PDB file of N, CA and C in Angstrom:
ATOM      1  N   MET A   1     113.083  14.977 218.590  1.00  0.00           N
ATOM      2  CA  MET A   1     114.261  14.238 218.238  1.00  0.00           C
ATOM      3  C   MET A   1     115.415  15.230 218.128  1.00  0.00           C
ATOM      4  N   SER A   2     116.563  14.864 218.689  1.00  0.00           N
ATOM      5  CA  SER A   2     117.702  15.782 218.647  1.00  0.00           C
ATOM      6  C   SER A   2     118.347  15.757 217.272  1.00  0.00           C
ATOM      7  N   ARG A   3     119.183  16.726 217.042  1.00  0.00           N
ATOM      8  CA  ARG A   3     119.822  16.849 215.742  1.00  0.00           C
ATOM      9  C   ARG A   3     120.742  15.675 215.459  1.00  0.00           C
ATOM     10  N   ALA A   4     121.499  15.209 216.461  1.00  0.00           N
ATOM     11  CA  ALA A   4     122.431  14.102 216.284  1.00  0.00           C
ATOM     12  C   ALA A   4     121.698  12.813 215.967  1.00  0.00           C
ATOM     13  N   SER A   5     120.583  12.561 216.670  1.00  0.00           N
ATOM     14  CA  SER A   5     119.850  11.313 216.404  1.00  0.00           C
ATOM     15  C   SER A   5     119.163  11.378 215.049  1.00  0.00           C
ATOM     16  N   THR A   6     118.724  12.552 214.600  1.00  0.00           N
ATOM     17  CA  THR A   6     118.131  12.685 213.279  1.00  0.00           C
ATOM     18  C   THR A   6     119.177  12.388 212.210  1.00  0.00           C
ATOM     19  N   PHE A   7     120.384  12.912 212.391  1.00  0.00           N
ATOM     20  CA  PHE A   7     121.457  12.663 211.432  1.00  0.00           C
ATOM     21  C   PHE A   7     121.797  11.186 211.392  1.00  0.00           C
ATOM     22  N   HIS A   8     121.897  10.532 212.549  1.00  0.00           N
ATOM     23  CA  HIS A   8     122.226   9.114 212.620  1.00  0.00           C
ATOM     24  C   HIS A   8     121.144   8.280 211.955  1.00  0.00           C
ATOM     25  N   ALA A   9     119.908   8.602 212.178  1.00  0.00           N
ATOM     26  CA  ALA A   9     118.804   7.843 211.594  1.00  0.00           C
ATOM     27  C   ALA A   9     118.772   8.022 210.082  1.00  0.00           C
ATOM     28  N   SER A  10     119.097   9.206 209.591  1.00  0.00           N
ATOM     29  CA  SER A  10     119.053   9.419 208.153  1.00  0.00           C
ATOM     30  C   SER A  10     120.242   8.773 207.454  1.00  0.00           C
ATOM     31  N   THR A  11     121.389   8.703 208.109  1.00  0.00           N
ATOM     32  CA  THR A  11     122.556   8.087 207.474  1.00  0.00           C
ATOM     33  C   THR A  11     122.541   6.578 207.609  1.00  0.00           C
ATOM     34  N   ASN A  12     121.771   6.049 208.524  1.00  0.00           N
ATOM     35  CA  ASN A  12     121.705   4.612 208.734  1.00  0.00           C
ATOM     36  C   ASN A  12     120.842   3.944 207.678  1.00  0.00           C
ATOM     37  N   GLY A  13     120.141   4.654 206.882  1.00  0.00           N
ATOM     38  CA  GLY A  13     119.338   4.075 205.821  1.00  0.00           C
ATOM     39  C   GLY A  13     118.045   3.467 206.308  1.00  0.00           C
ATOM     40  N   GLY A  14     117.517   3.913 207.387  1.00  0.00           N
ATOM     41  CA  GLY A  14     116.241   3.424 207.872  1.00  0.00           C
ATOM     42  C   GLY A  14     116.300   1.985 208.334  1.00  0.00           C
ATOM     43  N   GLY A  15     117.353   1.598 209.034  1.00  0.00           N
ATOM     44  CA  GLY A  15     117.449   0.248 209.580  1.00  0.00           C
ATOM     45  C   GLY A  15     118.397  -0.630 208.797  1.00  0.00           C
ATOM     46  N   ALA A  16     118.749  -0.267 207.575  1.00  0.00           N
ATOM     47  CA  ALA A  16     119.711  -1.057 206.813  1.00  0.00           C
ATOM     48  C   ALA A  16     121.103  -0.781 207.364  1.00  0.00           C
ATOM     49  N   GLN A  17     121.923  -1.801 207.383  1.00  0.00           N
ATOM     50  CA  GLN A  17     123.244  -1.676 207.973  1.00  0.00           C
ATOM     51  C   GLN A  17     124.286  -2.080 206.939  1.00  0.00           C
ATOM     52  N   SER A  18     125.360  -1.290 206.835  1.00  0.00           N
ATOM     53  CA  SER A  18     126.406  -1.637 205.869  1.00  0.00           C
ATOM     54  C   SER A  18     127.576  -2.269 206.595  1.00  0.00           C
ATOM     55  N   ASN A  19     128.219  -3.211 205.948  1.00  0.00           N
ATOM     56  CA  ASN A  19     129.387  -3.865 206.526  1.00  0.00           C
ATOM     57  C   ASN A  19     130.634  -3.343 205.838  1.00  0.00           C
ATOM     58  N   PRO A  20     131.822  -3.762 206.275  1.00  0.00           N
ATOM     59  CA  PRO A  20     133.059  -3.227 205.697  1.00  0.00           C
ATOM     60  C   PRO A  20     133.197  -3.473 204.196  1.00  0.00           C
ATOM     61  N   ALA A  21     132.568  -4.480 203.644  1.00  0.00           N
ATOM     62  CA  ALA A  21     132.668  -4.754 202.213  1.00  0.00           C
ATOM     63  C   ALA A  21     131.780  -3.825 201.405  1.00  0.00           C
ATOM     64  N   GLY A  22     130.964  -3.012 202.038  1.00  0.00           N
ATOM     65  CA  GLY A  22     130.111  -2.060 201.354  1.00  0.00           C
ATOM     66  C   GLY A  22     128.733  -2.620 201.023  1.00  0.00           C
ATOM     67  N   GLU A  23     128.453  -3.850 201.439  1.00  0.00           N
ATOM     68  CA  GLU A  23     127.142  -4.439 201.175  1.00  0.00           C
ATOM     69  C   GLU A  23     126.166  -3.960 202.248  1.00  0.00           C
ATOM     70  N   ILE A  24     124.890  -3.933 201.901  1.00  0.00           N
ATOM     71  CA  ILE A  24     123.874  -3.485 202.853  1.00  0.00           C
ATOM     72  C   ILE A  24     123.042  -4.684 203.271  1.00  0.00           C
ATOM     73  N   ASN A  25     122.941  -4.906 204.586  1.00  0.00           N
ATOM     74  CA  ASN A  25     122.119  -5.982 205.132  1.00  0.00           C
ATOM     75  C   ASN A  25     120.751  -5.428 205.485  1.00  0.00           C
ATOM     76  N   ALA A  26     119.730  -6.184 205.199  1.00  0.00           N
ATOM     77  CA  ALA A  26     118.377  -5.740 205.515  1.00  0.00           C
ATOM     78  C   ALA A  26     118.109  -5.847 207.010  1.00  0.00           C
ATOM     79  N   SER A  27     118.705  -6.833 207.657  1.00  0.00           N
ATOM     80  CA  SER A  27     118.476  -6.993 209.095  1.00  0.00           C
ATOM     81  C   SER A  27     119.569  -6.265 209.861  1.00  0.00           C
ATOM     82  N   SER A  28     119.273  -5.966 211.118  1.00  0.00           N
ATOM     83  CA  SER A  28     120.235  -5.231 211.929  1.00  0.00           C
ATOM     84  C   SER A  28     121.222  -6.168 212.616  1.00  0.00           C
ATOM     85  N   THR A  29     120.989  -7.479 212.584  1.00  0.00           N
ATOM     86  CA  THR A  29     121.919  -8.424 213.203  1.00  0.00           C
ATOM     87  C   THR A  29     122.725  -9.130 212.130  1.00  0.00           C
ATOM     88  N   LYS A  30     123.953  -9.467 212.468  1.00  0.00           N
ATOM     89  CA  LYS A  30     124.823 -10.164 211.534  1.00  0.00           C
ATOM     90  C   LYS A  30     124.647 -11.664 211.705  1.00  0.00           C
ATOM     91  N   THR A  31     124.812 -12.364 210.614  1.00  0.00           N
ATOM     92  CA  THR A  31     124.696 -13.815 210.681  1.00  0.00           C
ATOM     93  C   THR A  31     125.954 -14.404 211.298  1.00  0.00           C
ATOM     94  N   TYR A  32     125.875 -15.658 211.674  1.00  0.00           N
ATOM     95  CA  TYR A  32     127.027 -16.361 212.249  1.00  0.00           C
ATOM     96  C   TYR A  32     128.196 -16.349 211.268  1.00  0.00           C
ATOM     97  N   PHE A  33     127.906 -16.558 209.996  1.00  0.00           N
ATOM     98  CA  PHE A  33     128.936 -16.553 208.959  1.00  0.00           C
ATOM     99  C   PHE A  33     129.650 -15.204 208.907  1.00  0.00           C
ATOM    100  N   GLU A  34     128.889 -14.105 208.936  1.00  0.00           N
ATOM    101  CA  GLU A  34     129.492 -12.773 208.861  1.00  0.00           C
ATOM    102  C   GLU A  34     130.365 -12.481 210.072  1.00  0.00           C
ATOM    103  N   VAL A  35     129.907 -12.896 211.249  1.00  0.00           N
ATOM    104  CA  VAL A  35     130.684 -12.686 212.471  1.00  0.00           C
ATOM    105  C   VAL A  35     131.989 -13.476 212.393  1.00  0.00           C
ATOM    106  N   GLN A  36     131.891 -14.733 211.982  1.00  0.00           N
ATOM    107  CA  GLN A  36     133.091 -15.563 211.860  1.00  0.00           C
ATOM    108  C   GLN A  36     134.037 -15.013 210.789  1.00  0.00           C
ATOM    109  N   ARG A  37     133.464 -14.558 209.664  1.00  0.00           N
ATOM    110  CA  ARG A  37     134.283 -14.013 208.588  1.00  0.00           C
ATOM    111  C   ARG A  37     135.038 -12.774 209.062  1.00  0.00           C
ATOM    112  N   GLU A  38     134.373 -11.887 209.774  1.00  0.00           N
ATOM    113  CA  GLU A  38     135.036 -10.689 210.275  1.00  0.00           C
ATOM    114  C   GLU A  38     136.137 -11.036 211.268  1.00  0.00           C
ATOM    115  N   GLY A  39     135.865 -12.002 212.133  1.00  0.00           N
ATOM    116  CA  GLY A  39     136.886 -12.439 213.091  1.00  0.00           C
ATOM    117  C   GLY A  39     138.099 -13.025 212.390  1.00  0.00           C
ATOM    118  N   LEU A  40     137.841 -13.846 211.391  1.00  0.00           N
ATOM    119  CA  LEU A  40     138.950 -14.440 210.638  1.00  0.00           C
ATOM    120  C   LEU A  40     139.718 -13.391 209.844  1.00  0.00           C
ATOM    121  N   MET A  41     139.016 -12.423 209.299  1.00  0.00           N
ATOM    122  CA  MET A  41     139.685 -11.359 208.553  1.00  0.00           C
ATOM    123  C   MET A  41     140.594 -10.537 209.474  1.00  0.00           C
ATOM    124  N   ARG A  42     140.124 -10.266 210.685  1.00  0.00           N
ATOM    125  CA  ARG A  42     140.966  -9.561 211.655  1.00  0.00           C
ATOM    126  C   ARG A  42     142.194 -10.395 212.000  1.00  0.00           C
ATOM    127  N   GLU A  43     141.982 -11.680 212.237  1.00  0.00           N
ATOM    128  CA  GLU A  43     143.088 -12.577 212.578  1.00  0.00           C
ATOM    129  C   GLU A  43     144.102 -12.662 211.434  1.00  0.00           C
ATOM    130  N   ILE A  44     143.621 -12.737 210.206  1.00  0.00           N
ATOM    131  CA  ILE A  44     144.509 -12.776 209.040  1.00  0.00           C
ATOM    132  C   ILE A  44     145.287 -11.470 208.937  1.00  0.00           C
ATOM    133  N   GLY A  45     144.626 -10.352 209.177  1.00  0.00           N
ATOM    134  CA  GLY A  45     145.307  -9.057 209.133  1.00  0.00           C
ATOM    135  C   GLY A  45     146.415  -8.964 210.165  1.00  0.00           C
ATOM    136  N   VAL A  46     146.152  -9.425 211.376  1.00  0.00           N
ATOM    137  CA  VAL A  46     147.163  -9.409 212.432  1.00  0.00           C
ATOM    138  C   VAL A  46     148.318 -10.336 212.061  1.00  0.00           C
ATOM    139  N   SER A  47     147.994 -11.507 211.530  1.00  0.00           N
ATOM    140  CA  SER A  47     149.038 -12.457 211.136  1.00  0.00           C
ATOM    141  C   SER A  47     149.894 -11.905 210.003  1.00  0.00           C
ATOM    142  N   MET A  48     149.273 -11.252 209.041  1.00  0.00           N
ATOM    143  CA  MET A  48     150.027 -10.677 207.933  1.00  0.00           C
ATOM    144  C   MET A  48     150.946  -9.557 208.431  1.00  0.00           C
ATOM    145  N   GLU A  49     150.477  -8.779 209.375  1.00  0.00           N
ATOM    146  CA  GLU A  49     151.315  -7.729 209.956  1.00  0.00           C
ATOM    147  C   GLU A  49     152.515  -8.347 210.665  1.00  0.00           C
ATOM    148  N   SER A  50     152.291  -9.448 211.376  1.00  0.00           N
ATOM    149  CA  SER A  50     153.378 -10.140 212.050  1.00  0.00           C
ATOM    150  C   SER A  50     154.384 -10.695 211.039  1.00  0.00           C
ATOM    151  N   VAL A  51     153.889 -11.257 209.952  1.00  0.00           N
ATOM    152  CA  VAL A  51     154.773 -11.773 208.903  1.00  0.00           C
ATOM    153  C   VAL A  51     155.604 -10.637 208.317  1.00  0.00           C
ATOM    154  N   LEU A  52     154.985  -9.513 208.059  1.00  0.00           N
ATOM    155  CA  LEU A  52     155.697  -8.362 207.504  1.00  0.00           C
ATOM    156  C   LEU A  52     156.797  -7.886 208.456  1.00  0.00           C
ATOM    157  N   GLN A  53     156.498  -7.821 209.747  1.00  0.00           N
ATOM    158  CA  GLN A  53     157.502  -7.398 210.724  1.00  0.00           C
ATOM    159  C   GLN A  53     158.667  -8.383 210.764  1.00  0.00           C
ATOM    160  N   ASN A  54     158.362  -9.684 210.719  1.00  0.00           N
ATOM    161  CA  ASN A  54     159.422 -10.690 210.759  1.00  0.00           C
ATOM    162  C   ASN A  54     160.271 -10.660 209.488  1.00  0.00           C
ATOM    163  N   ILE A  55     159.659 -10.397 208.342  1.00  0.00           N
ATOM    164  CA  ILE A  55     160.418 -10.281 207.095  1.00  0.00           C
ATOM    165  C   ILE A  55     161.342  -9.066 207.169  1.00  0.00           C
ATOM    166  N   ASN A  56     160.868  -7.977 207.739  1.00  0.00           N
ATOM    167  CA  ASN A  56     161.710  -6.789 207.902  1.00  0.00           C
ATOM    168  C   ASN A  56     162.898  -7.075 208.825  1.00  0.00           C
ATOM    169  N   LYS A  57     162.665  -7.837 209.916  1.00  0.00           N
ATOM    170  CA  LYS A  57     163.756  -8.213 210.812  1.00  0.00           C
ATOM    171  C   LYS A  57     164.766  -9.084 210.085  1.00  0.00           C
ATOM    172  N   LEU A  58     164.284 -10.041 209.305  1.00  0.00           N
ATOM    173  CA  LEU A  58     165.165 -10.913 208.536  1.00  0.00           C
ATOM    174  C   LEU A  58     165.989 -10.106 207.542  1.00  0.00           C
ATOM    175  N   ASN A  59     165.356  -9.160 206.884  1.00  0.00           N
ATOM    176  CA  ASN A  59     166.058  -8.318 205.915  1.00  0.00           C
ATOM    177  C   ASN A  59     167.174  -7.524 206.594  1.00  0.00           C
ATOM    178  N   ARG A  60     166.890  -6.954 207.762  1.00  0.00           N
ATOM    179  CA  ARG A  60     167.924  -6.209 208.485  1.00  0.00           C
ATOM    180  C   ARG A  60     169.067  -7.127 208.907  1.00  0.00           C
ATOM    181  N   SER A  61     168.741  -8.345 209.336  1.00  0.00           N
ATOM    182  CA  SER A  61     169.785  -9.292 209.727  1.00  0.00           C
ATOM    183  C   SER A  61     170.653  -9.671 208.537  1.00  0.00           C
ATOM    184  N   LEU A  62     170.029  -9.933 207.402  1.00  0.00           N
ATOM    185  CA  LEU A  62     170.795 -10.272 206.203  1.00  0.00           C
ATOM    186  C   LEU A  62     171.673  -9.116 205.751  1.00  0.00           C
ATOM    187  N   GLU A  63     171.165  -7.902 205.849  1.00  0.00           N
ATOM    188  CA  GLU A  63     171.979  -6.741 205.493  1.00  0.00           C
ATOM    189  C   GLU A  63     173.189  -6.620 206.412  1.00  0.00           C
ATOM    190  N   GLY A  64     173.001  -6.910 207.698  1.00  0.00           N
ATOM    191  CA  GLY A  64     174.113  -6.885 208.645  1.00  0.00           C
ATOM    192  C   GLY A  64     175.151  -7.950 208.332  1.00  0.00           C
ATOM    193  N   ILE A  65     174.678  -9.141 207.988  1.00  0.00           N
ATOM    194  CA  ILE A  65     175.600 -10.230 207.647  1.00  0.00           C
ATOM    195  C   ILE A  65     176.388  -9.891 206.396  1.00  0.00           C
ATOM    196  N   ILE A  66     175.729  -9.319 205.413  1.00  0.00           N
ATOM    197  CA  ILE A  66     176.409  -8.948 204.167  1.00  0.00           C
ATOM    198  C   ILE A  66     177.448  -7.866 204.433  1.00  0.00           C
ATOM    199  N   SER A  67     177.117  -6.896 205.270  1.00  0.00           N
ATOM    200  CA  SER A  67     178.077  -5.823 205.550  1.00  0.00           C
ATOM    201  C   SER A  67     179.293  -6.365 206.295  1.00  0.00           C
ATOM    202  N   VAL A  68     179.091  -7.322 207.217  1.00  0.00           N
ATOM    203  CA  VAL A  68     180.228  -7.927 207.915  1.00  0.00           C
ATOM    204  C   VAL A  68     181.077  -8.703 206.918  1.00  0.00           C
ATOM    205  N   GLY A  69     180.448  -9.433 206.015  1.00  0.00           N
ATOM    206  CA  GLY A  69     181.181 -10.168 204.993  1.00  0.00           C
ATOM    207  C   GLY A  69     181.973  -9.253 204.090  1.00  0.00           C
ATOM    208  N   ASN A  70     181.416  -8.106 203.751  1.00  0.00           N
ATOM    209  CA  ASN A  70     182.120  -7.151 202.893  1.00  0.00           C
ATOM    210  C   ASN A  70     183.340  -6.554 203.591  1.00  0.00           C
ATOM    211  N   GLU A  71     183.325  -6.494 204.902  1.00  0.00           N
ATOM    212  CA  GLU A  71     184.473  -5.974 205.642  1.00  0.00           C
ATOM    213  C   GLU A  71     185.694  -6.875 205.505  1.00  0.00           C
ATOM    214  N   PHE A  72     185.482  -8.154 205.191  1.00  0.00           N
ATOM    215  CA  PHE A  72     186.583  -9.092 205.055  1.00  0.00           C
ATOM    216  C   PHE A  72     187.133  -9.156 203.640  1.00  0.00           C
ATOM    217  N   SER A  73     186.599  -8.387 202.717  1.00  0.00           N
ATOM    218  CA  SER A  73     187.078  -8.457 201.331  1.00  0.00           C
ATOM    219  C   SER A  73     188.532  -8.009 201.217  1.00  0.00           C
ATOM    220  N   SER A  74     188.943  -6.995 201.970  1.00  0.00           N
ATOM    221  CA  SER A  74     190.337  -6.542 201.903  1.00  0.00           C
ATOM    222  C   SER A  74     191.275  -7.602 202.488  1.00  0.00           C
ATOM    223  N   VAL A  75     190.858  -8.265 203.549  1.00  0.00           N
ATOM    224  CA  VAL A  75     191.673  -9.333 204.143  1.00  0.00           C
ATOM    225  C   VAL A  75     191.803 -10.493 203.164  1.00  0.00           C
ATOM    226  N   GLU A  76     190.718 -10.833 202.501  1.00  0.00           N
ATOM    227  CA  GLU A  76     190.746 -11.920 201.505  1.00  0.00           C
ATOM    228  C   GLU A  76     191.673 -11.569 200.366  1.00  0.00           C
ATOM    229  N   ALA A  77     191.645 -10.319 199.917  1.00  0.00           N
ATOM    230  CA  ALA A  77     192.519  -9.898 198.823  1.00  0.00           C
ATOM    231  C   ALA A  77     193.987  -9.981 199.251  1.00  0.00           C
ATOM    232  N   LEU A  78     194.289  -9.611 200.484  1.00  0.00           N
ATOM    233  CA  LEU A  78     195.655  -9.677 200.989  1.00  0.00           C
ATOM    234  C   LEU A  78     196.157 -11.119 201.034  1.00  0.00           C
ATOM    235  N   TRP A  79     195.334 -12.034 201.564  1.00  0.00           N
ATOM    236  CA  TRP A  79     195.731 -13.439 201.626  1.00  0.00           C
ATOM    237  C   TRP A  79     195.837 -14.038 200.230  1.00  0.00           C
ATOM    238  N   SER A  80     194.996 -13.637 199.334  1.00  0.00           N
ATOM    239  CA  SER A  80     195.061 -14.118 197.961  1.00  0.00           C
ATOM    240  C   SER A  80     196.358 -13.674 197.302  1.00  0.00           C
ATOM    241  N   HIS A  81     196.745 -12.429 197.530  1.00  0.00           N
ATOM    242  CA  HIS A  81     198.007 -11.913 196.991  1.00  0.00           C
ATOM    243  C   HIS A  81     199.192 -12.676 197.599  1.00  0.00           C
ATOM    244  N   PHE A  82     199.129 -12.918 198.901  1.00  0.00           N
ATOM    245  CA  PHE A  82     200.180 -13.676 199.580  1.00  0.00           C
ATOM    246  C   PHE A  82     200.295 -15.086 198.999  1.00  0.00           C
ATOM    247  N   GLU A  83     199.172 -15.721 198.749  1.00  0.00           N
ATOM    248  CA  GLU A  83     199.176 -17.067 198.171  1.00  0.00           C
ATOM    249  C   GLU A  83     199.802 -17.053 196.773  1.00  0.00           C
ATOM    250  N   ASN A  84     199.470 -16.051 195.983  1.00  0.00           N
ATOM    251  CA  ASN A  84     200.039 -15.951 194.637  1.00  0.00           C
ATOM    252  C   ASN A  84     201.543 -15.713 194.673  1.00  0.00           C
ATOM    253  N   VAL A  85     202.012 -14.923 195.629  1.00  0.00           N
ATOM    254  CA  VAL A  85     203.445 -14.664 195.751  1.00  0.00           C
ATOM    255  C   VAL A  85     204.183 -15.924 196.188  1.00  0.00           C
ATOM    256  N   MET A  86     203.600 -16.678 197.091  1.00  0.00           N
ATOM    257  CA  MET A  86     204.258 -17.865 197.640  1.00  0.00           C
ATOM    258  C   MET A  86     204.109 -19.098 196.756  1.00  0.00           C
ATOM    259  N   ALA A  87     203.266 -19.051 195.744  1.00  0.00           N
ATOM    260  CA  ALA A  87     203.061 -20.205 194.864  1.00  0.00           C
ATOM    261  C   ALA A  87     204.340 -20.513 194.106  1.00  0.00           C
ATOM    262  N   PRO A  88     204.618 -21.801 193.859  1.00  0.00           N
ATOM    263  CA  PRO A  88     205.820 -22.161 193.103  1.00  0.00           C
ATOM    264  C   PRO A  88     205.747 -21.616 191.681  1.00  0.00           C
ATOM    265  N   LYS A  89     206.871 -21.216 191.151  1.00  0.00           N
ATOM    266  CA  LYS A  89     206.926 -20.584 189.830  1.00  0.00           C
ATOM    267  C   LYS A  89     206.824 -21.583 188.686  1.00  0.00           C
ATOM    268  N   ASP A  90     207.191 -22.858 188.900  1.00  0.00           N
ATOM    269  CA  ASP A  90     207.246 -23.813 187.805  1.00  0.00           C
ATOM    270  C   ASP A  90     205.889 -24.428 187.465  1.00  0.00           C
ATOM    271  N   GLY A  91     204.855 -24.055 188.109  1.00  0.00           N
ATOM    272  CA  GLY A  91     203.516 -24.549 187.794  1.00  0.00           C
ATOM    273  C   GLY A  91     203.143 -25.801 188.558  1.00  0.00           C
ATOM    274  N   ALA A  92     204.064 -26.409 189.299  1.00  0.00           N
ATOM    275  CA  ALA A  92     203.731 -27.593 190.095  1.00  0.00           C
ATOM    276  C   ALA A  92     202.934 -27.137 191.308  1.00  0.00           C
ATOM    277  N   SER A  93     201.978 -27.954 191.683  1.00  0.00           N
ATOM    278  CA  SER A  93     201.131 -27.561 192.807  1.00  0.00           C
ATOM    279  C   SER A  93     201.858 -27.718 194.122  1.00  0.00           C
ATOM    280  N   GLY A  94     202.773 -28.673 194.221  1.00  0.00           N
ATOM    281  CA  GLY A  94     203.513 -28.867 195.458  1.00  0.00           C
ATOM    282  C   GLY A  94     202.731 -29.634 196.492  1.00  0.00           C
ATOM    283  N   ASP A  95     201.447 -29.768 196.318  1.00  0.00           N
ATOM    284  CA  ASP A  95     200.621 -30.477 197.292  1.00  0.00           C
ATOM    285  C   ASP A  95     200.645 -31.983 197.044  1.00  0.00           C
ATOM    286  N   ALA A  96     200.593 -32.397 195.761  1.00  0.00           N
ATOM    287  CA  ALA A  96     200.503 -33.812 195.442  1.00  0.00           C
ATOM    288  C   ALA A  96     201.911 -34.381 195.242  1.00  0.00           C
ATOM    289  N   PRO A  97     202.224 -35.490 195.911  1.00  0.00           N
ATOM    290  CA  PRO A  97     203.542 -36.095 195.715  1.00  0.00           C
ATOM    291  C   PRO A  97     203.636 -36.716 194.326  1.00  0.00           C
ATOM    292  N   GLU A  98     204.811 -36.759 193.789  1.00  0.00           N
ATOM    293  CA  GLU A  98     205.007 -37.338 192.454  1.00  0.00           C
ATOM    294  C   GLU A  98     204.852 -38.844 192.522  1.00  0.00           C
ATOM    295  N   THR A  99     204.299 -39.406 191.460  1.00  0.00           N
ATOM    296  CA  THR A  99     204.176 -40.862 191.377  1.00  0.00           C
ATOM    297  C   THR A  99     205.495 -41.449 190.892  1.00  0.00           C
ATOM    298  N   GLU A 100     205.639 -42.752 190.994  1.00  0.00           N
ATOM    299  CA  GLU A 100     206.864 -43.416 190.546  1.00  0.00           C
ATOM    300  C   GLU A 100     207.091 -43.205 189.072  1.00  0.00           C
ATOM    301  N   GLU A 101     206.021 -43.216 188.284  1.00  0.00           N
ATOM    302  CA  GLU A 101     206.147 -43.029 186.852  1.00  0.00           C
ATOM    303  C   GLU A 101     206.718 -41.659 186.531  1.00  0.00           C
ATOM    304  N   GLU A 102     206.270 -40.631 187.251  1.00  0.00           N
ATOM    305  CA  GLU A 102     206.774 -39.281 186.999  1.00  0.00           C
ATOM    306  C   GLU A 102     208.247 -39.179 187.413  1.00  0.00           C
ATOM    307  N   GLN A 103     208.627 -39.838 188.509  1.00  0.00           N
ATOM    308  CA  GLN A 103     210.011 -39.809 188.941  1.00  0.00           C
ATOM    309  C   GLN A 103     210.923 -40.500 187.928  1.00  0.00           C
ATOM    310  N   VAL A 104     210.464 -41.637 187.377  1.00  0.00           N
ATOM    311  CA  VAL A 104     211.246 -42.366 186.378  1.00  0.00           C
ATOM    312  C   VAL A 104     211.360 -41.551 185.105  1.00  0.00           C
ATOM    313  N   ALA A 105     210.289 -40.874 184.713  1.00  0.00           N
ATOM    314  CA  ALA A 105     210.291 -40.084 183.490  1.00  0.00           C
ATOM    315  C   ALA A 105     211.273 -38.916 183.589  1.00  0.00           C
ATOM    316  N   GLU A 106     211.451 -38.356 184.793  1.00  0.00           N
ATOM    317  CA  GLU A 106     212.348 -37.240 184.978  1.00  0.00           C
ATOM    318  C   GLU A 106     213.817 -37.685 184.912  1.00  0.00           C
ATOM    319  N   GLN A 107     214.122 -38.960 185.241  1.00  0.00           N
ATOM    320  CA  GLN A 107     215.510 -39.438 185.270  1.00  0.00           C
ATOM    321  C   GLN A 107     215.931 -39.751 183.914  1.00  0.00           C
TER     322      GLN A 107
END
């Protein structure tokens, strides 16, 4: 027996096989349940990786949108200042027309 096969036979536990969960199976073949479970676990892992990548893309997009919005803060401040300067001084809004009662009260 070669050295490599002796090492493999001694680490294999004499026919016992370990699975990723660390459990030892007495038989060398996996059951249908174990095969399906491993397949589903791989599929879940791939799906979770895809979800993580998509969340990262969304985060980068949101950061870009926020930075573009922040670029308009100086423009908003300028228009706000302009609106305050142009606002009537007497406190009237100027948008709503006076009612007849208000016109009579002023006379």
